[in-house]
Amino acid sequence: MYLGHIVEIASDKEIYENPKHPYTKALISSIPQIDKLNKNRIILKGELPSPSNPPQGCPFHTRCPIAQDMCKKSMPELKDIGNEHQVACFYVDKVGDLND
């Protein structure tokens, strides 16, 4: 969840091994791992929106490294991407390009 909105639904294994929302991917990248001491973390930049006055469109767009104009205008709906995995992101195909 991000600002009260569900951004991704999947099994725990699927979430940890194959996060498809940029926020989920950033969260997973922040988990310390002993076997990966030099692991790249996704550092979120940008303005943290007010929960009482969230931005129009996708609530994560102010911090999202892959946000486009559509994200500022429209709220993405949860879409099934297979393997009982749902994601609310217009650019799921670009999430894999984020460093982790």
PDB file of N, CA and C in Angstrom:
ATOM      1  N   MET A   1       0.840  -1.189   0.000  1.00  0.00           N
ATOM      2  CA  MET A   1       0.000   0.000   0.000  1.00  0.00           C
ATOM      3  C   MET A   1       0.880   1.246   0.000  1.00  0.00           C
ATOM      4  N   TYR A   2       0.385   2.273  -0.638  1.00  0.00           N
ATOM      5  CA  TYR A   2       1.048   3.569  -0.634  1.00  0.00           C
ATOM      6  C   TYR A   2      -0.035   4.622  -0.492  1.00  0.00           C
ATOM      7  N   LEU A   3       0.055   5.438   0.535  1.00  0.00           N
ATOM      8  CA  LEU A   3      -0.936   6.475   0.831  1.00  0.00           C
ATOM      9  C   LEU A   3      -2.361   5.928   0.814  1.00  0.00           C
ATOM     10  N   GLY A   4      -2.536   4.736   1.367  1.00  0.00           N
ATOM     11  CA  GLY A   4      -3.861   4.147   1.485  1.00  0.00           C
ATOM     12  C   GLY A   4      -4.367   3.436   0.245  1.00  0.00           C
ATOM     13  N   HIS A   5      -3.552   3.320  -0.788  1.00  0.00           N
ATOM     14  CA  HIS A   5      -3.954   2.651  -2.028  1.00  0.00           C
ATOM     15  C   HIS A   5      -3.149   1.367  -2.204  1.00  0.00           C
ATOM     16  N   ILE A   6      -3.840   0.302  -2.554  1.00  0.00           N
ATOM     17  CA  ILE A   6      -3.152  -0.958  -2.841  1.00  0.00           C
ATOM     18  C   ILE A   6      -2.441  -0.810  -4.178  1.00  0.00           C
ATOM     19  N   VAL A   7      -1.134  -1.049  -4.177  1.00  0.00           N
ATOM     20  CA  VAL A   7      -0.359  -0.914  -5.407  1.00  0.00           C
ATOM     21  C   VAL A   7       0.050  -2.263  -5.989  1.00  0.00           C
ATOM     22  N   GLU A   8       0.028  -3.318  -5.147  1.00  0.00           N
ATOM     23  CA  GLU A   8       0.445  -4.626  -5.644  1.00  0.00           C
ATOM     24  C   GLU A   8      -0.129  -5.722  -4.757  1.00  0.00           C
ATOM     25  N   ILE A   9      -0.594  -6.788  -5.400  1.00  0.00           N
ATOM     26  CA  ILE A   9      -1.106  -7.958  -4.695  1.00  0.00           C
ATOM     27  C   ILE A   9      -0.472  -9.194  -5.326  1.00  0.00           C
ATOM     28  N   ALA A  10       0.145 -10.009  -4.488  1.00  0.00           N
ATOM     29  CA  ALA A  10       0.736 -11.275  -4.937  1.00  0.00           C
ATOM     30  C   ALA A  10       1.101 -12.081  -3.701  1.00  0.00           C
ATOM     31  N   SER A  11       1.527 -13.304  -3.917  1.00  0.00           N
ATOM     32  CA  SER A  11       1.993 -14.115  -2.792  1.00  0.00           C
ATOM     33  C   SER A  11       3.268 -13.491  -2.230  1.00  0.00           C
ATOM     34  N   ASP A  12       3.601 -13.826  -1.000  1.00  0.00           N
ATOM     35  CA  ASP A  12       4.811 -13.263  -0.406  1.00  0.00           C
ATOM     36  C   ASP A  12       6.046 -13.627  -1.221  1.00  0.00           C
ATOM     37  N   LYS A  13       6.121 -14.852  -1.694  1.00  0.00           N
ATOM     38  CA  LYS A  13       7.272 -15.268  -2.505  1.00  0.00           C
ATOM     39  C   LYS A  13       7.358 -14.444  -3.792  1.00  0.00           C
ATOM     40  N   GLU A  14       6.226 -14.270  -4.458  1.00  0.00           N
ATOM     41  CA  GLU A  14       6.199 -13.501  -5.713  1.00  0.00           C
ATOM     42  C   GLU A  14       6.590 -12.041  -5.468  1.00  0.00           C
ATOM     43  N   ILE A  15       6.101 -11.456  -4.378  1.00  0.00           N
ATOM     44  CA  ILE A  15       6.438 -10.061  -4.057  1.00  0.00           C
ATOM     45  C   ILE A  15       7.940  -9.909  -3.828  1.00  0.00           C
ATOM     46  N   TYR A  16       8.533 -10.815  -3.043  1.00  0.00           N
ATOM     47  CA  TYR A  16       9.964 -10.709  -2.734  1.00  0.00           C
ATOM     48  C   TYR A  16      10.852 -11.010  -3.932  1.00  0.00           C
ATOM     49  N   GLU A  17      10.454 -11.965  -4.755  1.00  0.00           N
ATOM     50  CA  GLU A  17      11.299 -12.377  -5.872  1.00  0.00           C
ATOM     51  C   GLU A  17      11.033 -11.614  -7.165  1.00  0.00           C
ATOM     52  N   ASN A  18       9.833 -11.032  -7.289  1.00  0.00           N
ATOM     53  CA  ASN A  18       9.464 -10.413  -8.557  1.00  0.00           C
ATOM     54  C   ASN A  18       8.559  -9.197  -8.345  1.00  0.00           C
ATOM     55  N   PRO A  19       9.015  -8.201  -7.571  1.00  0.00           N
ATOM     56  CA  PRO A  19       8.168  -7.021  -7.362  1.00  0.00           C
ATOM     57  C   PRO A  19       7.973  -6.281  -8.682  1.00  0.00           C
ATOM     58  N   LYS A  20       6.737  -5.856  -8.941  1.00  0.00           N
ATOM     59  CA  LYS A  20       6.425  -5.211 -10.215  1.00  0.00           C
ATOM     60  C   LYS A  20       5.949  -3.774 -10.091  1.00  0.00           C
ATOM     61  N   HIS A  21       5.767  -3.276  -8.885  1.00  0.00           N
ATOM     62  CA  HIS A  21       5.427  -1.862  -8.703  1.00  0.00           C
ATOM     63  C   HIS A  21       6.697  -1.158  -8.235  1.00  0.00           C
ATOM     64  N   PRO A  22       6.977   0.052  -8.726  1.00  0.00           N
ATOM     65  CA  PRO A  22       8.212   0.734  -8.334  1.00  0.00           C
ATOM     66  C   PRO A  22       8.341   0.956  -6.824  1.00  0.00           C
ATOM     67  N   TYR A  23       7.231   1.192  -6.138  1.00  0.00           N
ATOM     68  CA  TYR A  23       7.296   1.375  -4.683  1.00  0.00           C
ATOM     69  C   TYR A  23       7.658   0.062  -3.993  1.00  0.00           C
ATOM     70  N   THR A  24       7.021  -1.024  -4.413  1.00  0.00           N
ATOM     71  CA  THR A  24       7.335  -2.334  -3.842  1.00  0.00           C
ATOM     72  C   THR A  24       8.788  -2.687  -4.102  1.00  0.00           C
ATOM     73  N   LYS A  25       9.251  -2.433  -5.319  1.00  0.00           N
ATOM     74  CA  LYS A  25      10.638  -2.752  -5.672  1.00  0.00           C
ATOM     75  C   LYS A  25      11.607  -1.955  -4.806  1.00  0.00           C
ATOM     76  N   ALA A  26      11.301  -0.686  -4.550  1.00  0.00           N
ATOM     77  CA  ALA A  26      12.154   0.138  -3.684  1.00  0.00           C
ATOM     78  C   ALA A  26      12.147  -0.399  -2.253  1.00  0.00           C
ATOM     79  N   LEU A  27      10.979  -0.783  -1.760  1.00  0.00           N
ATOM     80  CA  LEU A  27      10.901  -1.349  -0.407  1.00  0.00           C
ATOM     81  C   LEU A  27      11.722  -2.625  -0.300  1.00  0.00           C
ATOM     82  N   ILE A  28      11.571  -3.520  -1.249  1.00  0.00           N
ATOM     83  CA  ILE A  28      12.306  -4.785  -1.228  1.00  0.00           C
ATOM     84  C   ILE A  28      13.808  -4.527  -1.328  1.00  0.00           C
ATOM     85  N   SER A  29      14.213  -3.543  -2.103  1.00  0.00           N
ATOM     86  CA  SER A  29      15.647  -3.249  -2.247  1.00  0.00           C
ATOM     87  C   SER A  29      16.256  -2.711  -0.960  1.00  0.00           C
ATOM     88  N   SER A  30      15.436  -2.241  -0.041  1.00  0.00           N
ATOM     89  CA  SER A  30      15.959  -1.687   1.217  1.00  0.00           C
ATOM     90  C   SER A  30      16.167  -2.748   2.298  1.00  0.00           C
ATOM     91  N   ILE A  31      15.767  -3.989   2.032  1.00  0.00           N
ATOM     92  CA  ILE A  31      15.945  -5.066   3.014  1.00  0.00           C
ATOM     93  C   ILE A  31      17.417  -5.474   3.037  1.00  0.00           C
ATOM     94  N   PRO A  32      18.080  -5.387   4.198  1.00  0.00           N
ATOM     95  CA  PRO A  32      19.487  -5.808   4.281  1.00  0.00           C
ATOM     96  C   PRO A  32      19.629  -7.306   3.990  1.00  0.00           C
ATOM     97  N   GLN A  33      20.681  -7.642   3.245  1.00  0.00           N
ATOM     98  CA  GLN A  33      20.970  -9.041   2.933  1.00  0.00           C
ATOM     99  C   GLN A  33      22.448  -9.293   3.168  1.00  0.00           C
ATOM    100  N   ILE A  34      22.758 -10.261   3.997  1.00  0.00           N
ATOM    101  CA  ILE A  34      24.145 -10.556   4.351  1.00  0.00           C
ATOM    102  C   ILE A  34      24.955 -10.965   3.132  1.00  0.00           C
ATOM    103  N   ASP A  35      24.373 -11.741   2.234  1.00  0.00           N
ATOM    104  CA  ASP A  35      25.114 -12.239   1.078  1.00  0.00           C
ATOM    105  C   ASP A  35      25.277 -11.209  -0.041  1.00  0.00           C
ATOM    106  N   LYS A  36      24.669 -10.036   0.115  1.00  0.00           N
ATOM    107  CA  LYS A  36      24.782  -8.992  -0.907  1.00  0.00           C
ATOM    108  C   LYS A  36      25.119  -7.669  -0.230  1.00  0.00           C
ATOM    109  N   LEU A  37      26.339  -7.572   0.304  1.00  0.00           N
ATOM    110  CA  LEU A  37      26.723  -6.377   1.051  1.00  0.00           C
ATOM    111  C   LEU A  37      26.747  -5.120   0.192  1.00  0.00           C
ATOM    112  N   ASN A  38      27.062  -5.265  -1.078  1.00  0.00           N
ATOM    113  CA  ASN A  38      27.144  -4.101  -1.967  1.00  0.00           C
ATOM    114  C   ASN A  38      25.897  -3.958  -2.834  1.00  0.00           C
ATOM    115  N   LYS A  39      24.795  -4.485  -2.357  1.00  0.00           N
ATOM    116  CA  LYS A  39      23.545  -4.444  -3.113  1.00  0.00           C
ATOM    117  C   LYS A  39      23.117  -2.997  -3.377  1.00  0.00           C
ATOM    118  N   ASN A  40      22.712  -2.737  -4.604  1.00  0.00           N
ATOM    119  CA  ASN A  40      22.205  -1.407  -4.946  1.00  0.00           C
ATOM    120  C   ASN A  40      20.797  -1.244  -4.405  1.00  0.00           C
ATOM    121  N   ARG A  41      20.585  -0.155  -3.720  1.00  0.00           N
ATOM    122  CA  ARG A  41      19.250   0.155  -3.218  1.00  0.00           C
ATOM    123  C   ARG A  41      18.627   1.225  -4.112  1.00  0.00           C
ATOM    124  N   ILE A  42      17.329   1.164  -4.241  1.00  0.00           N
ATOM    125  CA  ILE A  42      16.616   2.197  -4.984  1.00  0.00           C
ATOM    126  C   ILE A  42      16.307   3.304  -3.989  1.00  0.00           C
ATOM    127  N   ILE A  43      16.906   4.448  -4.189  1.00  0.00           N
ATOM    128  CA  ILE A  43      16.696   5.597  -3.317  1.00  0.00           C
ATOM    129  C   ILE A  43      15.589   6.451  -3.927  1.00  0.00           C
ATOM    130  N   LEU A  44      14.493   6.559  -3.205  1.00  0.00           N
ATOM    131  CA  LEU A  44      13.377   7.365  -3.698  1.00  0.00           C
ATOM    132  C   LEU A  44      13.641   8.834  -3.432  1.00  0.00           C
ATOM    133  N   LYS A  45      13.464   9.628  -4.456  1.00  0.00           N
ATOM    134  CA  LYS A  45      13.643  11.075  -4.346  1.00  0.00           C
ATOM    135  C   LYS A  45      12.295  11.729  -4.578  1.00  0.00           C
ATOM    136  N   GLY A  46      12.271  13.017  -4.495  1.00  0.00           N
ATOM    137  CA  GLY A  46      11.030  13.731  -4.763  1.00  0.00           C
ATOM    138  C   GLY A  46      10.280  14.054  -3.496  1.00  0.00           C
ATOM    139  N   GLU A  47       9.148  14.674  -3.697  1.00  0.00           N
ATOM    140  CA  GLU A  47       8.331  15.169  -2.592  1.00  0.00           C
ATOM    141  C   GLU A  47       7.423  14.075  -2.038  1.00  0.00           C
ATOM    142  N   LEU A  48       7.453  13.901  -0.720  1.00  0.00           N
ATOM    143  CA  LEU A  48       6.556  12.970  -0.053  1.00  0.00           C
ATOM    144  C   LEU A  48       5.190  13.638   0.065  1.00  0.00           C
ATOM    145  N   PRO A  49       4.166  13.112  -0.604  1.00  0.00           N
ATOM    146  CA  PRO A  49       2.854  13.757  -0.597  1.00  0.00           C
ATOM    147  C   PRO A  49       2.174  13.685   0.770  1.00  0.00           C
ATOM    148  N   SER A  50       1.279  14.606   0.986  1.00  0.00           N
ATOM    149  CA  SER A  50       0.485  14.624   2.209  1.00  0.00           C
ATOM    150  C   SER A  50      -0.588  13.540   2.129  1.00  0.00           C
ATOM    151  N   PRO A  51      -0.692  12.684   3.152  1.00  0.00           N
ATOM    152  CA  PRO A  51      -1.753  11.678   3.144  1.00  0.00           C
ATOM    153  C   PRO A  51      -3.156  12.292   3.203  1.00  0.00           C
ATOM    154  N   SER A  52      -3.264  13.473   3.788  1.00  0.00           N
ATOM    155  CA  SER A  52      -4.576  14.117   3.873  1.00  0.00           C
ATOM    156  C   SER A  52      -4.933  14.890   2.606  1.00  0.00           C
ATOM    157  N   ASN A  53      -3.944  15.124   1.756  1.00  0.00           N
ATOM    158  CA  ASN A  53      -4.176  15.832   0.500  1.00  0.00           C
ATOM    159  C   ASN A  53      -3.304  15.199  -0.592  1.00  0.00           C
ATOM    160  N   PRO A  54      -3.594  13.939  -0.961  1.00  0.00           N
ATOM    161  CA  PRO A  54      -2.745  13.258  -1.942  1.00  0.00           C
ATOM    162  C   PRO A  54      -2.835  13.907  -3.318  1.00  0.00           C
ATOM    163  N   PRO A  55      -1.802  13.723  -4.134  1.00  0.00           N
ATOM    164  CA  PRO A  55      -1.815  14.311  -5.473  1.00  0.00           C
ATOM    165  C   PRO A  55      -2.840  13.628  -6.372  1.00  0.00           C
ATOM    166  N   GLN A  56      -3.206  14.332  -7.430  1.00  0.00           N
ATOM    167  CA  GLN A  56      -4.078  13.755  -8.452  1.00  0.00           C
ATOM    168  C   GLN A  56      -3.311  12.652  -9.168  1.00  0.00           C
ATOM    169  N   GLY A  57      -4.015  11.685  -9.684  1.00  0.00           N
ATOM    170  CA  GLY A  57      -3.379  10.603 -10.423  1.00  0.00           C
ATOM    171  C   GLY A  57      -2.828   9.549  -9.485  1.00  0.00           C
ATOM    172  N   CYS A  58      -1.752   8.939  -9.896  1.00  0.00           N
ATOM    173  CA  CYS A  58      -1.108   7.925  -9.065  1.00  0.00           C
ATOM    174  C   CYS A  58      -0.494   8.609  -7.847  1.00  0.00           C
ATOM    175  N   PRO A  59      -0.807   8.156  -6.635  1.00  0.00           N
ATOM    176  CA  PRO A  59      -0.278   8.822  -5.451  1.00  0.00           C
ATOM    177  C   PRO A  59       1.236   8.718  -5.327  1.00  0.00           C
ATOM    178  N   PHE A  60       1.856   7.784  -6.039  1.00  0.00           N
ATOM    179  CA  PHE A  60       3.306   7.591  -5.961  1.00  0.00           C
ATOM    180  C   PHE A  60       4.075   8.410  -6.996  1.00  0.00           C
ATOM    181  N   HIS A  61       3.395   9.089  -7.904  1.00  0.00           N
ATOM    182  CA  HIS A  61       4.102   9.729  -9.025  1.00  0.00           C
ATOM    183  C   HIS A  61       5.114  10.793  -8.595  1.00  0.00           C
ATOM    184  N   THR A  62       4.938  11.421  -7.439  1.00  0.00           N
ATOM    185  CA  THR A  62       5.887  12.466  -7.022  1.00  0.00           C
ATOM    186  C   THR A  62       7.237  11.891  -6.609  1.00  0.00           C
ATOM    187  N   ARG A  63       7.304  10.592  -6.369  1.00  0.00           N
ATOM    188  CA  ARG A  63       8.551   9.951  -5.946  1.00  0.00           C
ATOM    189  C   ARG A  63       8.985   8.837  -6.893  1.00  0.00           C
ATOM    190  N   CYS A  64       8.188   8.550  -7.877  1.00  0.00           N
ATOM    191  CA  CYS A  64       8.428   7.406  -8.755  1.00  0.00           C
ATOM    192  C   CYS A  64       9.517   7.704  -9.791  1.00  0.00           C
ATOM    193  N   PRO A  65      10.535   6.840  -9.884  1.00  0.00           N
ATOM    194  CA  PRO A  65      11.608   7.072 -10.853  1.00  0.00           C
ATOM    195  C   PRO A  65      11.211   6.823 -12.304  1.00  0.00           C
ATOM    196  N   ILE A  66      10.048   6.214 -12.547  1.00  0.00           N
ATOM    197  CA  ILE A  66       9.627   5.960 -13.932  1.00  0.00           C
ATOM    198  C   ILE A  66       8.324   6.667 -14.291  1.00  0.00           C
ATOM    199  N   ALA A  67       7.879   7.599 -13.466  1.00  0.00           N
ATOM    200  CA  ALA A  67       6.602   8.294 -13.705  1.00  0.00           C
ATOM    201  C   ALA A  67       6.628   9.085 -15.011  1.00  0.00           C
ATOM    202  N   GLN A  68       5.492   9.086 -15.687  1.00  0.00           N
ATOM    203  CA  GLN A  68       5.290   9.849 -16.914  1.00  0.00           C
ATOM    204  C   GLN A  68       4.074  10.756 -16.709  1.00  0.00           C
ATOM    205  N   ASP A  69       3.738  11.555 -17.705  1.00  0.00           N
ATOM    206  CA  ASP A  69       2.603  12.478 -17.597  1.00  0.00           C
ATOM    207  C   ASP A  69       1.294  11.775 -17.248  1.00  0.00           C
ATOM    208  N   MET A  70       1.068  10.589 -17.799  1.00  0.00           N
ATOM    209  CA  MET A  70      -0.165   9.867 -17.518  1.00  0.00           C
ATOM    210  C   MET A  70      -0.322   9.598 -16.016  1.00  0.00           C
ATOM    211  N   CYS A  71       0.777   9.376 -15.327  1.00  0.00           N
ATOM    212  CA  CYS A  71       0.741   9.074 -13.892  1.00  0.00           C
ATOM    213  C   CYS A  71       0.233  10.268 -13.089  1.00  0.00           C
ATOM    214  N   LYS A  72       0.477  11.468 -13.586  1.00  0.00           N
ATOM    215  CA  LYS A  72       0.031  12.682 -12.901  1.00  0.00           C
ATOM    216  C   LYS A  72      -1.462  12.934 -13.103  1.00  0.00           C
ATOM    217  N   LYS A  73      -2.030  12.347 -14.146  1.00  0.00           N
ATOM    218  CA  LYS A  73      -3.416  12.630 -14.516  1.00  0.00           C
ATOM    219  C   LYS A  73      -4.404  11.540 -14.113  1.00  0.00           C
ATOM    220  N   SER A  74      -3.975  10.294 -14.141  1.00  0.00           N
ATOM    221  CA  SER A  74      -4.900   9.172 -13.932  1.00  0.00           C
ATOM    222  C   SER A  74      -4.397   8.222 -12.857  1.00  0.00           C
ATOM    223  N   MET A  75      -5.345   7.641 -12.145  1.00  0.00           N
ATOM    224  CA  MET A  75      -5.037   6.631 -11.136  1.00  0.00           C
ATOM    225  C   MET A  75      -5.005   5.263 -11.810  1.00  0.00           C
ATOM    226  N   PRO A  76      -3.875   4.567 -11.777  1.00  0.00           N
ATOM    227  CA  PRO A  76      -3.844   3.238 -12.394  1.00  0.00           C
ATOM    228  C   PRO A  76      -4.673   2.243 -11.578  1.00  0.00           C
ATOM    229  N   GLU A  77      -5.352   1.359 -12.268  1.00  0.00           N
ATOM    230  CA  GLU A  77      -6.140   0.319 -11.612  1.00  0.00           C
ATOM    231  C   GLU A  77      -5.293  -0.934 -11.470  1.00  0.00           C
ATOM    232  N   LEU A  78      -5.640  -1.761 -10.495  1.00  0.00           N
ATOM    233  CA  LEU A  78      -4.966  -3.046 -10.358  1.00  0.00           C
ATOM    234  C   LEU A  78      -5.248  -3.882 -11.597  1.00  0.00           C
ATOM    235  N   LYS A  79      -4.187  -4.405 -12.213  1.00  0.00           N
ATOM    236  CA  LYS A  79      -4.332  -5.252 -13.391  1.00  0.00           C
ATOM    237  C   LYS A  79      -3.629  -6.568 -13.129  1.00  0.00           C
ATOM    238  N   ASP A  80      -4.255  -7.640 -13.585  1.00  0.00           N
ATOM    239  CA  ASP A  80      -3.675  -8.968 -13.438  1.00  0.00           C
ATOM    240  C   ASP A  80      -2.551  -9.122 -14.457  1.00  0.00           C
ATOM    241  N   ILE A  81      -1.360  -9.461 -13.975  1.00  0.00           N
ATOM    242  CA  ILE A  81      -0.227  -9.658 -14.881  1.00  0.00           C
ATOM    243  C   ILE A  81       0.195 -11.121 -14.920  1.00  0.00           C
ATOM    244  N   GLY A  82      -0.648 -11.993 -14.378  1.00  0.00           N
ATOM    245  CA  GLY A  82      -0.371 -13.427 -14.379  1.00  0.00           C
ATOM    246  C   GLY A  82       0.184 -13.905 -13.050  1.00  0.00           C
ATOM    247  N   ASN A  83       0.142 -15.210 -12.856  1.00  0.00           N
ATOM    248  CA  ASN A  83       0.673 -15.836 -11.644  1.00  0.00           C
ATOM    249  C   ASN A  83       0.015 -15.278 -10.383  1.00  0.00           C
ATOM    250  N   GLU A  84      -1.289 -14.972 -10.494  1.00  0.00           N
ATOM    251  CA  GLU A  84      -2.053 -14.394  -9.382  1.00  0.00           C
ATOM    252  C   GLU A  84      -1.384 -13.130  -8.828  1.00  0.00           C
ATOM    253  N   HIS A  85      -0.863 -12.326  -9.716  1.00  0.00           N
ATOM    254  CA  HIS A  85      -0.123 -11.105  -9.390  1.00  0.00           C
ATOM    255  C   HIS A  85      -0.857  -9.921 -10.019  1.00  0.00           C
ATOM    256  N   GLN A  86      -1.179  -8.939  -9.195  1.00  0.00           N
ATOM    257  CA  GLN A  86      -1.858  -7.736  -9.678  1.00  0.00           C
ATOM    258  C   GLN A  86      -1.025  -6.510  -9.323  1.00  0.00           C
ATOM    259  N   VAL A  87      -0.991  -5.550 -10.236  1.00  0.00           N
ATOM    260  CA  VAL A  87      -0.187  -4.343 -10.044  1.00  0.00           C
ATOM    261  C   VAL A  87      -0.960  -3.128 -10.539  1.00  0.00           C
ATOM    262  N   ALA A  88      -0.863  -2.036  -9.789  1.00  0.00           N
ATOM    263  CA  ALA A  88      -1.474  -0.768 -10.188  1.00  0.00           C
ATOM    264  C   ALA A  88      -0.363   0.163 -10.673  1.00  0.00           C
ATOM    265  N   CYS A  89       0.034  -0.014 -11.916  1.00  0.00           N
ATOM    266  CA  CYS A  89       1.087   0.818 -12.514  1.00  0.00           C
ATOM    267  C   CYS A  89       0.900   0.799 -14.029  1.00  0.00           C
ATOM    268  N   PHE A  90       1.013   1.980 -14.645  1.00  0.00           N
ATOM    269  CA  PHE A  90       0.897   2.071 -16.100  1.00  0.00           C
ATOM    270  C   PHE A  90       2.140   1.528 -16.808  1.00  0.00           C
ATOM    271  N   TYR A  91       3.272   1.500 -16.114  1.00  0.00           N
ATOM    272  CA  TYR A  91       4.548   1.181 -16.748  1.00  0.00           C
ATOM    273  C   TYR A  91       5.232  -0.016 -16.101  1.00  0.00           C
ATOM    274  N   VAL A  92       4.461  -1.070 -15.867  1.00  0.00           N
ATOM    275  CA  VAL A  92       4.987  -2.291 -15.247  1.00  0.00           C
ATOM    276  C   VAL A  92       6.202  -2.813 -16.011  1.00  0.00           C
ATOM    277  N   ASP A  93       6.194  -2.698 -17.332  1.00  0.00           N
ATOM    278  CA  ASP A  93       7.292  -3.214 -18.146  1.00  0.00           C
ATOM    279  C   ASP A  93       8.613  -2.483 -17.905  1.00  0.00           C
ATOM    280  N   LYS A  94       8.590  -1.288 -17.312  1.00  0.00           N
ATOM    281  CA  LYS A  94       9.817  -0.529 -17.049  1.00  0.00           C
ATOM    282  C   LYS A  94      10.371  -0.759 -15.643  1.00  0.00           C
ATOM    283  N   VAL A  95       9.602  -1.386 -14.773  1.00  0.00           N
ATOM    284  CA  VAL A  95      10.029  -1.581 -13.386  1.00  0.00           C
ATOM    285  C   VAL A  95      11.275  -2.458 -13.316  1.00  0.00           C
ATOM    286  N   GLY A  96      11.385  -3.428 -14.191  1.00  0.00           N
ATOM    287  CA  GLY A  96      12.559  -4.299 -14.206  1.00  0.00           C
ATOM    288  C   GLY A  96      13.852  -3.565 -14.485  1.00  0.00           C
ATOM    289  N   ASP A  97      13.776  -2.384 -15.079  1.00  0.00           N
ATOM    290  CA  ASP A  97      14.973  -1.604 -15.389  1.00  0.00           C
ATOM    291  C   ASP A  97      15.539  -0.869 -14.177  1.00  0.00           C
ATOM    292  N   LEU A  98      14.765  -0.795 -13.087  1.00  0.00           N
ATOM    293  CA  LEU A  98      15.244  -0.111 -11.886  1.00  0.00           C
ATOM    294  C   LEU A  98      16.330  -0.948 -11.227  1.00  0.00           C
ATOM    295  N   ASN A  99      17.387  -0.292 -10.754  1.00  0.00           N
ATOM    296  CA  ASN A  99      18.471  -1.004 -10.076  1.00  0.00           C
ATOM    297  C   ASN A  99      17.998  -1.567  -8.758  1.00  0.00           C
ATOM    298  N   ASP A 100      18.410  -2.794  -8.489  1.00  0.00           N
ATOM    299  CA  ASP A 100      18.238  -3.336  -7.141  1.00  0.00           C
ATOM    300  C   ASP A 100      19.309  -4.307  -6.854  1.00  0.00           C
TER     301      ASP A 100
END
